[in-house]
Amino acid sequence: MENTLRSERKATEPSRIVFNRDRCKGCSYCVYFCAKEVLEMSEETNQKGYLLPKVADESKCSGCRLCEAICPDFALRVISANADEEE
């Protein structure tokens, strides 16, 4: 029963996306491959002059972590809404 409750909570609470601005090279893979359209490219640049992605609508994030997996520079992390409860 406990795992069922965790699944329901995860489905209703969005995950948080954290960017490492210095590592990002603006390839936009995270934006392109997000099925929920959580991310978009911004006009903001990092120290190297690359355009950075930004969170457009965090409430749509399902926590699938595809953006994290697809990033060639490991420039973002997805933090689950219930990360403090995970073992």
N, C-alpha and C. Protein backbone atom coordinates (compact mmCIF):
# COMPACT_ATOMS: atom_id res chain seq x y z
N MET A 1 0.82 -1.19 0.00
CA MET A 1 0.00 0.00 0.00
C MET A 1 0.86 1.26 0.00
N GLU A 2 1.98 1.21 0.70
CA GLU A 2 2.85 2.38 0.79
C GLU A 2 3.39 2.79 -0.58
N ASN A 3 3.80 1.83 -1.42
CA ASN A 3 4.31 2.15 -2.75
C ASN A 3 3.24 2.79 -3.62
N THR A 4 1.99 2.36 -3.46
CA THR A 4 0.89 2.94 -4.22
C THR A 4 0.73 4.41 -3.88
N LEU A 5 0.82 4.74 -2.61
CA LEU A 5 0.70 6.14 -2.19
C LEU A 5 1.84 6.98 -2.74
N ARG A 6 3.02 6.43 -2.76
CA ARG A 6 4.16 7.16 -3.33
C ARG A 6 3.94 7.44 -4.80
N SER A 7 3.42 6.47 -5.53
CA SER A 7 3.16 6.65 -6.96
C SER A 7 2.13 7.74 -7.20
N GLU A 8 1.08 7.75 -6.39
CA GLU A 8 0.05 8.78 -6.53
C GLU A 8 0.62 10.15 -6.23
N ARG A 9 1.43 10.24 -5.22
CA ARG A 9 2.01 11.53 -4.85
C ARG A 9 2.95 12.02 -5.95
N LYS A 10 3.75 11.13 -6.47
CA LYS A 10 4.70 11.49 -7.52
C LYS A 10 3.96 11.98 -8.76
N ALA A 11 2.81 11.41 -9.03
CA ALA A 11 2.04 11.80 -10.21
C ALA A 11 1.38 13.17 -10.03
N THR A 12 1.13 13.57 -8.79
CA THR A 12 0.43 14.83 -8.57
C THR A 12 1.36 15.99 -8.23
N GLU A 13 2.56 15.71 -7.78
CA GLU A 13 3.50 16.77 -7.42
C GLU A 13 4.62 16.84 -8.45
N PRO A 14 4.86 18.01 -9.02
CA PRO A 14 5.90 18.12 -10.05
C PRO A 14 7.30 17.99 -9.46
N SER A 15 8.21 17.53 -10.28
CA SER A 15 9.61 17.47 -9.90
C SER A 15 10.24 18.84 -10.16
N ARG A 16 11.42 19.03 -9.62
CA ARG A 16 12.12 20.31 -9.79
C ARG A 16 13.33 20.06 -10.69
N ILE A 17 13.59 20.99 -11.59
CA ILE A 17 14.71 20.88 -12.52
C ILE A 17 15.75 21.93 -12.16
N VAL A 18 16.99 21.47 -11.97
CA VAL A 18 18.07 22.36 -11.57
C VAL A 18 19.14 22.33 -12.65
N PHE A 19 19.53 23.50 -13.13
CA PHE A 19 20.54 23.62 -14.19
C PHE A 19 21.90 24.00 -13.61
N ASN A 20 22.95 23.46 -14.20
CA ASN A 20 24.31 23.90 -13.92
C ASN A 20 24.68 24.81 -15.09
N ARG A 21 24.53 26.10 -14.90
CA ARG A 21 24.70 27.08 -15.97
C ARG A 21 26.07 27.03 -16.63
N ASP A 22 27.09 26.72 -15.86
CA ASP A 22 28.45 26.71 -16.39
C ASP A 22 28.71 25.53 -17.32
N ARG A 23 28.00 24.43 -17.12
CA ARG A 23 28.22 23.23 -17.94
C ARG A 23 27.42 23.25 -19.23
N CYS A 24 26.31 23.98 -19.26
CA CYS A 24 25.40 23.97 -20.41
C CYS A 24 26.04 24.63 -21.62
N LYS A 25 25.87 23.98 -22.78
CA LYS A 25 26.38 24.56 -24.03
C LYS A 25 25.25 24.94 -24.99
N GLY A 26 24.02 24.94 -24.48
CA GLY A 26 22.89 25.42 -25.26
C GLY A 26 22.47 24.54 -26.41
N CYS A 27 22.67 23.25 -26.33
CA CYS A 27 22.33 22.34 -27.44
C CYS A 27 20.82 22.19 -27.61
N SER A 28 20.06 22.46 -26.59
CA SER A 28 18.60 22.40 -26.52
C SER A 28 18.02 20.99 -26.64
N TYR A 29 18.83 19.96 -26.44
CA TYR A 29 18.30 18.59 -26.44
C TYR A 29 17.22 18.43 -25.37
N CYS A 30 17.45 19.00 -24.19
CA CYS A 30 16.49 18.87 -23.10
C CYS A 30 15.14 19.48 -23.48
N VAL A 31 15.17 20.58 -24.19
CA VAL A 31 13.95 21.25 -24.63
C VAL A 31 13.26 20.43 -25.71
N TYR A 32 14.01 19.99 -26.68
CA TYR A 32 13.46 19.27 -27.82
C TYR A 32 12.83 17.93 -27.44
N PHE A 33 13.48 17.20 -26.53
CA PHE A 33 13.03 15.85 -26.20
C PHE A 33 12.02 15.78 -25.06
N CYS A 34 11.71 16.89 -24.43
CA CYS A 34 10.73 16.87 -23.34
C CYS A 34 9.31 16.75 -23.92
N ALA A 35 8.68 15.62 -23.66
CA ALA A 35 7.34 15.35 -24.20
C ALA A 35 6.27 16.23 -23.55
N LYS A 36 6.55 16.74 -22.37
CA LYS A 36 5.57 17.55 -21.64
C LYS A 36 5.76 19.05 -21.88
N GLU A 37 6.76 19.43 -22.66
CA GLU A 37 7.06 20.83 -22.96
C GLU A 37 7.27 21.66 -21.69
N VAL A 38 8.05 21.10 -20.79
CA VAL A 38 8.36 21.75 -19.52
C VAL A 38 9.43 22.83 -19.72
N LEU A 39 10.33 22.60 -20.65
CA LEU A 39 11.47 23.50 -20.85
C LEU A 39 11.35 24.30 -22.14
N GLU A 40 12.03 25.44 -22.16
CA GLU A 40 12.14 26.24 -23.38
C GLU A 40 13.48 26.97 -23.32
N MET A 41 13.94 27.43 -24.47
CA MET A 41 15.19 28.17 -24.51
C MET A 41 14.91 29.61 -24.08
N SER A 42 15.84 30.18 -23.36
CA SER A 42 15.71 31.56 -22.91
C SER A 42 16.65 32.46 -23.70
N GLU A 43 16.61 33.71 -23.43
CA GLU A 43 17.52 34.68 -24.04
C GLU A 43 18.77 34.87 -23.18
N GLU A 44 18.77 34.24 -22.01
CA GLU A 44 19.88 34.36 -21.07
C GLU A 44 21.07 33.51 -21.53
N THR A 45 22.27 34.03 -21.33
CA THR A 45 23.48 33.28 -21.70
C THR A 45 24.34 33.02 -20.47
N ASN A 46 25.19 32.01 -20.58
CA ASN A 46 26.13 31.73 -19.51
C ASN A 46 27.45 32.45 -19.79
N GLN A 47 28.48 32.18 -19.01
CA GLN A 47 29.79 32.83 -19.16
C GLN A 47 30.41 32.59 -20.52
N LYS A 48 30.11 31.46 -21.12
CA LYS A 48 30.69 31.10 -22.41
C LYS A 48 29.90 31.67 -23.59
N GLY A 49 28.76 32.29 -23.29
CA GLY A 49 27.94 32.90 -24.33
C GLY A 49 26.88 31.99 -24.92
N TYR A 50 26.67 30.82 -24.33
CA TYR A 50 25.65 29.90 -24.83
C TYR A 50 24.28 30.28 -24.28
N LEU A 51 23.25 30.19 -25.13
CA LEU A 51 21.88 30.39 -24.67
C LEU A 51 21.50 29.25 -23.74
N LEU A 52 20.79 29.59 -22.68
CA LEU A 52 20.43 28.61 -21.67
C LEU A 52 18.96 28.22 -21.76
N PRO A 53 18.65 26.97 -21.43
CA PRO A 53 17.24 26.58 -21.31
C PRO A 53 16.68 27.11 -20.00
N LYS A 54 15.37 27.16 -19.93
CA LYS A 54 14.72 27.54 -18.69
C LYS A 54 13.45 26.72 -18.52
N VAL A 55 12.97 26.68 -17.31
CA VAL A 55 11.73 25.96 -17.02
C VAL A 55 10.57 26.85 -17.42
N ALA A 56 9.76 26.37 -18.35
CA ALA A 56 8.59 27.12 -18.81
C ALA A 56 7.39 26.85 -17.91
N ASP A 57 7.19 25.58 -17.53
CA ASP A 57 6.05 25.22 -16.69
C ASP A 57 6.40 23.97 -15.88
N GLU A 58 6.94 24.20 -14.70
CA GLU A 58 7.38 23.10 -13.84
C GLU A 58 6.23 22.18 -13.42
N SER A 59 5.02 22.70 -13.40
CA SER A 59 3.87 21.89 -12.97
C SER A 59 3.59 20.74 -13.94
N LYS A 60 4.09 20.83 -15.16
CA LYS A 60 3.88 19.76 -16.15
C LYS A 60 4.89 18.62 -16.01
N CYS A 61 5.95 18.83 -15.24
CA CYS A 61 7.04 17.85 -15.14
C CYS A 61 6.56 16.56 -14.48
N SER A 62 6.76 15.45 -15.17
CA SER A 62 6.36 14.14 -14.65
C SER A 62 7.51 13.45 -13.91
N GLY A 63 8.70 14.03 -13.99
CA GLY A 63 9.85 13.43 -13.32
C GLY A 63 10.44 12.25 -14.06
N CYS A 64 10.22 12.16 -15.37
CA CYS A 64 10.72 11.02 -16.15
C CYS A 64 12.24 11.03 -16.29
N ARG A 65 12.85 12.19 -16.13
CA ARG A 65 14.30 12.38 -16.19
C ARG A 65 14.92 12.17 -17.58
N LEU A 66 14.11 12.23 -18.62
CA LEU A 66 14.66 12.11 -19.97
C LEU A 66 15.61 13.27 -20.26
N CYS A 67 15.25 14.46 -19.84
CA CYS A 67 16.11 15.62 -20.07
C CYS A 67 17.47 15.44 -19.41
N GLU A 68 17.46 14.87 -18.23
CA GLU A 68 18.70 14.61 -17.49
C GLU A 68 19.55 13.57 -18.22
N ALA A 69 18.90 12.54 -18.71
CA ALA A 69 19.61 11.46 -19.40
C ALA A 69 20.14 11.87 -20.76
N ILE A 70 19.42 12.75 -21.45
CA ILE A 70 19.78 13.13 -22.82
C ILE A 70 20.86 14.22 -22.85
N CYS A 71 21.07 14.92 -21.77
CA CYS A 71 22.03 16.03 -21.73
C CYS A 71 23.47 15.52 -21.86
N PRO A 72 24.16 15.89 -22.94
CA PRO A 72 25.52 15.40 -23.16
C PRO A 72 26.55 16.00 -22.20
N ASP A 73 26.17 17.08 -21.52
CA ASP A 73 27.11 17.76 -20.63
C ASP A 73 26.75 17.64 -19.15
N PHE A 74 25.76 16.81 -18.84
CA PHE A 74 25.32 16.62 -17.45
C PHE A 74 25.04 17.96 -16.78
N ALA A 75 24.34 18.84 -17.51
CA ALA A 75 24.12 20.20 -17.06
C ALA A 75 22.81 20.41 -16.31
N LEU A 76 22.04 19.35 -16.12
CA LEU A 76 20.81 19.51 -15.35
C LEU A 76 20.50 18.26 -14.56
N ARG A 77 19.74 18.48 -13.49
CA ARG A 77 19.29 17.39 -12.64
C ARG A 77 17.80 17.55 -12.41
N VAL A 78 17.13 16.43 -12.27
CA VAL A 78 15.71 16.44 -11.94
C VAL A 78 15.60 15.94 -10.51
N ILE A 79 15.01 16.74 -9.67
CA ILE A 79 14.85 16.38 -8.27
C ILE A 79 13.39 16.03 -8.05
N SER A 80 13.17 14.78 -7.67
CA SER A 80 11.82 14.27 -7.47
C SER A 80 11.11 15.05 -6.36
N ALA A 81 9.83 15.23 -6.51
CA ALA A 81 9.03 15.95 -5.52
C ALA A 81 9.07 15.28 -4.16
N ASN A 82 9.25 13.98 -4.14
CA ASN A 82 9.32 13.25 -2.88
C ASN A 82 10.72 12.68 -2.64
N ALA A 83 11.75 13.40 -3.04
CA ALA A 83 13.13 12.94 -2.91
C ALA A 83 13.50 12.69 -1.46
N ASP A 84 12.94 13.45 -0.54
CA ASP A 84 13.26 13.27 0.88
C ASP A 84 12.71 11.96 1.43
N GLU A 85 11.74 11.35 0.75
CA GLU A 85 11.16 10.09 1.19
C GLU A 85 11.79 8.87 0.53
N GLU A 86 12.54 9.09 -0.56
CA GLU A 86 13.13 7.97 -1.28
C GLU A 86 14.27 7.39 -0.49
N GLU A 87 14.45 6.08 -0.60
CA GLU A 87 15.50 5.39 0.16
C GLU A 87 16.82 5.49 -0.54
